C-alpha atoms as a PDB file:
ATOM      1  CA  MET A   1      24.796 -19.305 -18.674  1.00  0.00           C
ATOM      2  CA  TRP A   2      27.655 -17.414 -19.603  1.00  0.00           C
ATOM      3  CA  GLN A   3      31.312 -19.316 -18.590  1.00  0.00           C
ATOM      4  CA  THR A   4      33.482 -17.294 -15.737  1.00  0.00           C
ATOM      5  CA  ASP A   5      37.143 -16.714 -16.243  1.00  0.00           C
ATOM      6  CA  ALA A   6      39.451 -19.021 -14.838  1.00  0.00           C
ATOM      7  CA  TRP A   7      39.033 -18.022 -11.293  1.00  0.00           C
ATOM      8  CA  GLY A   8      42.794 -18.524 -10.122  1.00  0.00           C
ATOM      9  CA  ASP A   9      42.570 -21.940 -11.254  1.00  0.00           C
ATOM     10  CA  ALA A  10      45.779 -22.430 -13.030  1.00  0.00           C
ATOM     11  CA  ASP A  11      49.206 -22.183 -10.866  1.00  0.00           C
ATOM     12  CA  ASP A  12      51.599 -19.762 -11.486  1.00  0.00           C
ATOM     13  CA  ARG A  13      54.674 -18.129 -10.018  1.00  0.00           C
ATOM     14  CA  THR A  14      52.662 -14.847  -8.898  1.00  0.00           C
ATOM     15  CA  SER A  15      50.308 -17.605  -6.576  1.00  0.00           C
ATOM     16  CA  TRP A  16      52.338 -16.403  -3.615  1.00  0.00           C
ATOM     17  CA  LEU A  17      51.668 -12.771  -4.322  1.00  0.00           C
ATOM     18  CA  LYS A  18      47.810 -13.495  -4.583  1.00  0.00           C
ATOM     19  CA  VAL A  19      47.615 -15.278  -1.139  1.00  0.00           C
ATOM     20  CA  SER A  20      49.517 -12.569   0.377  1.00  0.00           C
ATOM     21  CA  ALA A  21      48.638  -9.131  -1.221  1.00  0.00           C
ATOM     22  CA  PRO A  22      45.010  -9.444   0.609  1.00  0.00           C
ATOM     23  CA  PHE A  23      46.732  -9.546   3.951  1.00  0.00           C
ATOM     24  CA  LEU A  24      49.369  -6.904   2.931  1.00  0.00           C
ATOM     25  CA  LEU A  25      46.576  -4.522   2.245  1.00  0.00           C
ATOM     26  CA  CYS A  26      45.004  -5.113   5.627  1.00  0.00           C
ATOM     27  CA  GLY A  27      48.195  -4.369   7.112  1.00  0.00           C
ATOM     28  CA  ALA A  28      48.713  -1.297   5.323  1.00  0.00           C
ATOM     29  CA  PHE A  29      45.324  -0.127   6.357  1.00  0.00           C
ATOM     30  CA  LEU A  30      45.906  -0.581   9.930  1.00  0.00           C
ATOM     31  CA  VAL A  31      49.234   1.703   9.378  1.00  0.00           C
ATOM     32  CA  ALA A  32      47.474   4.232   8.094  1.00  0.00           C
ATOM     33  CA  VAL A  33      44.835   4.298  10.631  1.00  0.00           C
ATOM     34  CA  TRP A  34      47.774   4.003  13.491  1.00  0.00           C
ATOM     35  CA  PHE A  35      48.217   7.948  12.564  1.00  0.00           C
ATOM     36  CA  LEU A  36      44.808   8.902  13.073  1.00  0.00           C
ATOM     37  CA  LEU A  37      43.855   7.080  16.530  1.00  0.00           C
ATOM     38  CA  PRO A  38      44.899   6.837  19.834  1.00  0.00           C
ATOM     39  CA  ALA A  39      46.654   3.720  20.897  1.00  0.00           C
ATOM     40  CA  GLU A  40      43.564   2.466  22.562  1.00  0.00           C
ATOM     41  CA  GLN A  41      41.284   3.078  20.115  1.00  0.00           C
ATOM     42  CA  TRP A  42      43.522   1.315  17.267  1.00  0.00           C
ATOM     43  CA  LEU A  43      43.508  -2.033  19.189  1.00  0.00           C
ATOM     44  CA  LEU A  44      39.897  -1.524  19.716  1.00  0.00           C
ATOM     45  CA  LEU A  45      39.416  -1.339  16.060  1.00  0.00           C
ATOM     46  CA  VAL A  46      42.028  -4.051  15.353  1.00  0.00           C
ATOM     47  CA  GLY A  47      39.586  -5.962  18.155  1.00  0.00           C
ATOM     48  CA  MET A  48      36.652  -5.265  15.888  1.00  0.00           C
ATOM     49  CA  MET A  49      38.079  -6.084  12.384  1.00  0.00           C
ATOM     50  CA  VAL A  50      39.324  -9.437  13.790  1.00  0.00           C
ATOM     51  CA  ALA A  51      35.735 -10.131  15.378  1.00  0.00           C
ATOM     52  CA  TYR A  52      34.068  -9.299  12.022  1.00  0.00           C
ATOM     53  CA  VAL A  53      36.524 -11.848   9.907  1.00  0.00           C
ATOM     54  CA  VAL A  54      35.464 -14.448  12.771  1.00  0.00           C
ATOM     55  CA  PRO A  55      32.002 -15.875  12.837  1.00  0.00           C
ATOM     56  CA  PRO A  56      29.125 -15.143  14.033  1.00  0.00           C
ATOM     57  CA  LEU A  57      29.474 -11.504  14.266  1.00  0.00           C
ATOM     58  CA  GLY A  58      28.520  -9.334  11.911  1.00  0.00           C
ATOM     59  CA  ARG A  59      28.275  -5.592  10.649  1.00  0.00           C
ATOM     60  CA  GLU A  60      25.420  -5.286  12.535  1.00  0.00           C
ATOM     61  CA  THR A  61      26.646  -6.101  15.799  1.00  0.00           C
ATOM     62  CA  ILE A  62      30.383  -4.710  15.094  1.00  0.00           C
ATOM     63  CA  ILE A  63      29.713  -1.290  14.037  1.00  0.00           C
ATOM     64  CA  PRO A  64      26.995  -0.114  16.908  1.00  0.00           C
ATOM     65  CA  VAL A  65      29.608  -1.811  19.519  1.00  0.00           C
ATOM     66  CA  GLY A  66      32.097   0.441  18.038  1.00  0.00           C
ATOM     67  CA  ILE A  67      30.504   3.812  17.704  1.00  0.00           C
ATOM     68  CA  LEU A  68      28.944   3.262  21.248  1.00  0.00           C
ATOM     69  CA  LEU A  69      32.659   2.757  22.497  1.00  0.00           C
ATOM     70  CA  GLY A  70      34.202   6.035  21.084  1.00  0.00           C
ATOM     71  CA  LEU A  71      35.418   5.195  17.367  1.00  0.00           C
ATOM     72  CA  PRO A  72      34.252   7.583  14.620  1.00  0.00           C
ATOM     73  CA  TRP A  73      31.191   5.787  12.644  1.00  0.00           C
ATOM     74  CA  TRP A  74      32.822   6.840   9.138  1.00  0.00           C
ATOM     75  CA  LEU A  75      36.078   4.507  10.157  1.00  0.00           C
ATOM     76  CA  VAL A  76      34.493   1.929  11.358  1.00  0.00           C
ATOM     77  CA  ALA A  77      32.111   1.581   8.341  1.00  0.00           C
ATOM     78  CA  LEU A  78      35.344   2.092   6.005  1.00  0.00           C
ATOM     79  CA  SER A  79      37.272  -0.480   8.076  1.00  0.00           C
ATOM     80  CA  LEU A  80      34.636  -3.339   7.489  1.00  0.00           C
ATOM     81  CA  ALA A  81      33.846  -2.836   3.952  1.00  0.00           C
ATOM     82  CA  PHE A  82      37.803  -2.762   3.195  1.00  0.00           C
ATOM     83  CA  LEU A  83      37.501  -6.246   5.032  1.00  0.00           C
ATOM     84  CA  ASP A  84      34.761  -6.912   2.673  1.00  0.00           C
ATOM     85  CA  PHE A  85      37.077  -6.062   0.060  1.00  0.00           C
ATOM     86  CA  ALA A  86      39.947  -7.833   0.922  1.00  0.00           C
ATOM     87  CA  GLY A  87      38.013 -10.901   1.671  1.00  0.00           C
ATOM     88  CA  GLY A  88      36.603 -10.802  -2.129  1.00  0.00           C
ATOM     89  CA  LEU A  89      39.998 -10.318  -3.336  1.00  0.00           C
ATOM     90  CA  PHE A  90      41.183 -13.194  -1.876  1.00  0.00           C
ATOM     91  CA  MET A  91      38.560 -15.428  -2.682  1.00  0.00           C
ATOM     92  CA  ALA A  92      38.878 -14.156  -6.374  1.00  0.00           C
ATOM     93  CA  TRP A  93      42.620 -15.047  -6.577  1.00  0.00           C
ATOM     94  CA  ASN A  94      42.544 -18.221  -4.652  1.00  0.00           C
ATOM     95  CA  PHE A  95      39.269 -19.791  -4.622  1.00  0.00           C
ATOM     96  CA  PRO A  96      41.174 -23.384  -5.454  1.00  0.00           C
ATOM     97  CA  LEU A  97      43.218 -23.102  -2.538  1.00  0.00           C
ATOM     98  CA  VAL A  98      39.841 -22.343  -0.282  1.00  0.00           C
ATOM     99  CA  LEU A  99      38.570 -25.669  -1.856  1.00  0.00           C
ATOM    100  CA  ARG A 100      41.256 -27.478  -0.746  1.00  0.00           C
ATOM    101  CA  ILE A 101      40.634 -26.454   3.342  1.00  0.00           C
ATOM    102  CA  PRO A 102      39.585 -29.174   5.372  1.00  0.00           C
ATOM    103  CA  TYR A 103      35.886 -28.491   6.077  1.00  0.00           C
ATOM    104  CA  ALA A 104      35.392 -25.312   4.351  1.00  0.00           C
ATOM    105  CA  GLY A 105      36.032 -26.909   0.971  1.00  0.00           C
ATOM    106  CA  PRO A 106      33.493 -30.122   0.944  1.00  0.00           C
ATOM    107  CA  TRP A 107      31.241 -27.353   2.948  1.00  0.00           C
ATOM    108  CA  ILE A 108      31.611 -24.981  -0.038  1.00  0.00           C
ATOM    109  CA  ARG A 109      31.131 -27.636  -2.527  1.00  0.00           C
ATOM    110  CA  ARG A 110      27.816 -28.728  -1.333  1.00  0.00           C
ATOM    111  CA  PHE A 111      26.889 -25.547  -0.993  1.00  0.00           C
ATOM    112  CA  MET A 112      27.631 -24.634  -4.571  1.00  0.00           C
ATOM    113  CA  GLU A 113      25.481 -28.169  -5.712  1.00  0.00           C
ATOM    114  CA  ALA A 114      22.432 -27.260  -3.936  1.00  0.00           C
ATOM    115  CA  GLY A 115      22.599 -23.481  -5.246  1.00  0.00           C
ATOM    116  CA  ARG A 116      22.913 -24.635  -8.669  1.00  0.00           C
ATOM    117  CA  THR A 117      20.092 -26.827  -8.432  1.00  0.00           C
ATOM    118  CA  PHE A 118      18.195 -23.997  -6.679  1.00  0.00           C
ATOM    119  CA  LEU A 119      19.055 -21.661  -9.634  1.00  0.00           C
ATOM    120  CA  ASP A 120      18.558 -24.053 -12.391  1.00  0.00           C
ATOM    121  CA  ARG A 121      14.853 -24.365 -11.282  1.00  0.00           C
ATOM    122  CA  ARG A 122      14.640 -20.431 -11.266  1.00  0.00           C
ATOM    123  CA  PRO A 123      16.593 -18.902 -13.979  1.00  0.00           C
ATOM    124  CA  TRP A 124      15.015 -15.685 -14.237  1.00  0.00           C
ATOM    125  CA  LEU A 125      16.966 -14.960 -10.675  1.00  0.00           C
ATOM    126  CA  GLU A 126      20.249 -15.397 -13.055  1.00  0.00           C
ATOM    127  CA  ARG A 127      18.905 -12.033 -14.581  1.00  0.00           C
ATOM    128  CA  LEU A 128      19.437  -9.763 -11.349  1.00  0.00           C
ATOM    129  CA  TYR A 129      22.789 -11.376 -10.521  1.00  0.00           C
ATOM    130  CA  PHE A 130      24.249  -8.058 -10.414  1.00  0.00           C
ATOM    131  CA  LEU A 131      22.143  -6.405  -8.005  1.00  0.00           C
ATOM    132  CA  GLY A 132      20.982  -8.961  -6.512  1.00  0.00           C
ATOM    133  CA  LEU A 133      24.742  -9.725  -5.384  1.00  0.00           C
ATOM    134  CA  ILE A 134      25.076  -6.425  -4.188  1.00  0.00           C
ATOM    135  CA  ALA A 135      21.838  -6.350  -1.996  1.00  0.00           C
ATOM    136  CA  PHE A 136      22.977 -10.025  -0.543  1.00  0.00           C
ATOM    137  CA  VAL A 137      26.208  -8.428   1.066  1.00  0.00           C
ATOM    138  CA  SER A 138      24.925  -5.159   1.804  1.00  0.00           C
ATOM    139  CA  LEU A 139      21.887  -6.469   3.931  1.00  0.00           C
ATOM    140  CA  PRO A 140      22.455  -8.183   7.281  1.00  0.00           C
ATOM    141  CA  PHE A 141      21.634 -11.445   6.350  1.00  0.00           C
ATOM    142  CA  ASP A 142      22.989 -14.765   7.875  1.00  0.00           C
ATOM    143  CA  GLY A 143      26.499 -15.758   6.157  1.00  0.00           C
ATOM    144  CA  SER A 144      26.383 -12.647   3.961  1.00  0.00           C
ATOM    145  CA  GLY A 145      29.828 -10.857   3.350  1.00  0.00           C
ATOM    146  CA  SER A 146      32.284 -11.336   1.366  1.00  0.00           C
ATOM    147  CA  LEU A 147      33.263 -15.489   1.654  1.00  0.00           C
ATOM    148  CA  VAL A 148      29.774 -16.426   0.806  1.00  0.00           C
ATOM    149  CA  GLY A 149      29.045 -13.658  -1.729  1.00  0.00           C
ATOM    150  CA  SER A 150      32.185 -14.655  -3.613  1.00  0.00           C
ATOM    151  CA  ILE A 151      30.510 -18.440  -3.938  1.00  0.00           C
ATOM    152  CA  VAL A 152      26.898 -16.825  -4.725  1.00  0.00           C
ATOM    153  CA  GLY A 153      28.789 -14.864  -7.502  1.00  0.00           C
ATOM    154  CA  ARG A 154      30.431 -18.104  -8.995  1.00  0.00           C
ATOM    155  CA  MET A 155      27.280 -20.079  -8.942  1.00  0.00           C
ATOM    156  CA  LEU A 156      25.881 -17.599 -10.930  1.00  0.00           C
ATOM    157  CA  GLY A 157      28.687 -17.618 -13.722  1.00  0.00           C
ATOM    158  CA  MET A 158      30.094 -13.923 -12.788  1.00  0.00           C
ATOM    159  CA  THR A 159      33.931 -13.179 -13.571  1.00  0.00           C
ATOM    160  CA  LYS A 160      36.343 -12.447 -10.730  1.00  0.00           C
ATOM    161  CA  THR A 161      36.447  -8.620 -11.681  1.00  0.00           C
ATOM    162  CA  GLU A 162      32.045  -8.266 -11.287  1.00  0.00           C
ATOM    163  CA  VAL A 163      32.251 -10.571  -8.319  1.00  0.00           C
ATOM    164  CA  LEU A 164      35.023  -8.294  -6.568  1.00  0.00           C
ATOM    165  CA  THR A 165      33.070  -5.028  -7.996  1.00  0.00           C
ATOM    166  CA  CYS A 166      29.638  -6.219  -6.109  1.00  0.00           C
ATOM    167  CA  ILE A 167      31.359  -7.472  -2.956  1.00  0.00           C
ATOM    168  CA  THR A 168      33.083  -3.973  -2.586  1.00  0.00           C
ATOM    169  CA  ILE A 169      29.749  -2.090  -3.580  1.00  0.00           C
ATOM    170  CA  GLY A 170      27.691  -4.224  -1.384  1.00  0.00           C
ATOM    171  CA  GLY A 171      30.083  -3.660   1.913  1.00  0.00           C
ATOM    172  CA  ILE A 172      30.229   0.384   1.225  1.00  0.00           C
ATOM    173  CA  ILE A 173      26.445   0.417   1.361  1.00  0.00           C
ATOM    174  CA  GLY A 174      25.889  -1.755   4.163  1.00  0.00           C
ATOM    175  CA  SER A 175      28.632  -0.950   6.327  1.00  0.00           C
ATOM    176  CA  PHE A 176      27.686   3.341   5.897  1.00  0.00           C
ATOM    177  CA  ALA A 177      23.874   2.502   5.870  1.00  0.00           C
ATOM    178  CA  ILE A 178      24.543   1.080   9.550  1.00  0.00           C
ATOM    179  CA  ALA A 179      26.641   3.285  10.786  1.00  0.00           C
ATOM    180  CA  LEU A 180      25.071   6.479   9.975  1.00  0.00           C
ATOM    181  CA  GLY A 181      21.593   4.859  11.384  1.00  0.00           C
ATOM    182  CA  ILE A 182      23.537   3.981  14.477  1.00  0.00           C
ATOM    183  CA  ASP A 183      25.465   7.537  14.677  1.00  0.00           C
ATOM    184  CA  TYR A 184      21.647   9.416  14.276  1.00  0.00           C
ATOM    185  CA  VAL A 185      20.217   7.115  17.067  1.00  0.00           C
ATOM    186  CA  VAL A 186      23.659   8.087  19.442  1.00  0.00           C
ATOM    187  CA  ASP A 187      23.064  11.667  18.598  1.00  0.00           C
ATOM    188  CA  LEU A 188      19.515  11.443  19.983  1.00  0.00           C
ATOM    189  CA  ILE A 189      20.750  10.175  23.372  1.00  0.00           C
ATOM    190  CA  PRO A 190      21.234  13.002  25.865  1.00  0.00           C
ATOM    191  CA  PRO A 191      24.681  13.807  26.205  1.00  0.00           C
ATOM    192  CA  GLY A 192      24.522  13.014  30.322  1.00  0.00           C
ATOM    193  CA  ALA A 193      22.193   9.869  29.871  1.00  0.00           C
ATOM    194  CA  GLY A 194      25.679   7.651  30.363  1.00  0.00           C
ATOM    195  CA  ILE A 195      26.950   4.511  28.619  1.00  0.00           C
ATOM    196  CA  TRP A 196      24.289   2.360  30.216  1.00  0.00           C
ATOM    197  CA  VAL A 197      20.994   4.214  28.857  1.00  0.00           C
ATOM    198  CA  SER A 198      22.898   3.790  25.367  1.00  0.00           C
ATOM    199  CA  LEU A 199      23.532   0.042  26.018  1.00  0.00           C
ATOM    200  CA  VAL A 200      19.773   0.028  26.792  1.00  0.00           C
ATOM    201  CA  VAL A 201      18.737   2.078  23.479  1.00  0.00           C
ATOM    202  CA  PHE A 202      20.775  -0.596  21.506  1.00  0.00           C
ATOM    203  CA  LEU A 203      19.633  -3.554  23.127  1.00  0.00           C
ATOM    204  CA  LEU A 204      16.148  -2.358  22.454  1.00  0.00           C
ATOM    205  CA  ILE A 205      16.589  -1.562  18.887  1.00  0.00           C
ATOM    206  CA  GLY A 206      18.754  -4.606  18.360  1.00  0.00           C
ATOM    207  CA  SER A 207      16.147  -6.758  19.931  1.00  0.00           C
ATOM    208  CA  ALA A 208      13.226  -5.050  17.674  1.00  0.00           C
ATOM    209  CA  LEU A 209      15.436  -5.821  14.713  1.00  0.00           C
ATOM    210  CA  LEU A 210      15.937  -9.280  15.444  1.00  0.00           C
ATOM    211  CA  VAL A 211      12.296 -10.292  16.609  1.00  0.00           C
ATOM    212  CA  THR A 212      11.687  -8.521  13.029  1.00  0.00           C
ATOM    213  CA  TYR A 213      14.083 -10.520  11.079  1.00  0.00           C
ATOM    214  CA  ARG A 214      13.180 -13.963  12.739  1.00  0.00           C
ATOM    215  CA  SER A 215       9.153 -13.390  11.825  1.00  0.00           C
ATOM    216  CA  TYR A 216      10.321 -12.635   8.183  1.00  0.00           C
ATOM    217  CA  ARG A 217      12.307 -15.677   8.003  1.00  0.00           C
ATOM    218  CA  GLN A 218      10.004 -17.733   9.569  1.00  0.00           C
ATOM    219  CA  ARG A 219       7.188 -16.693   7.213  1.00  0.00           C
ATOM    220  CA  HIS A 220      10.137 -17.528   4.020  1.00  0.00           C
ATOM    221  CA  GLU A 221      10.640 -20.961   5.539  1.00  0.00           C
ATOM    222  CA  MET A 222       6.944 -21.284   5.525  1.00  0.00           C
ATOM    223  CA  ASN A 223       6.227 -20.141   2.197  1.00  0.00           C
ATOM    224  CA  ALA A 224       9.314 -22.213   0.658  1.00  0.00           C
END
């Protein structure tokens, strides 16, 4: 297993910039979007971005709701992919700081210890590290995203640049794939059907996906 770079372990004079830069980038993104959307839709997009950051909602929930409420599909996908990038950047630059956060830090340490034991018993998994991390971030797994993706990448011995690249690519693939699929479904709904018909269609699709995912997860746990 190769060695990682420092992952920002050493304190330096730019530590304040490393903490604030991801938030400043998000602020700049919202300012740019302000000129593209009416005020009501801009506030809606901000609320959805906040909901994406706060568990348990993921892109598989946020994107359909945003498109159904009238936001452009590409903007919703781009916004969530940008949040994945910003989250990955924060984790890459401030991982030691995150480890000092109460509750979150001890959980991350336990997660890494358990994951390291799992990977040591299956060394072949590390050979798929790059594509595997992209798939992990892009697919709507429980807990997938920039936070857990950064932890997994660190366990695999990846550098900050490699992890951030995987998170960015995975976020773009996952967000745009879901958004394109939902936009296609929306186009199939008759224009005069009304919002309630759209809600029923999305609920049926979501229920089918949830049942499929739960069945897959139960089979996976039984095999494990």
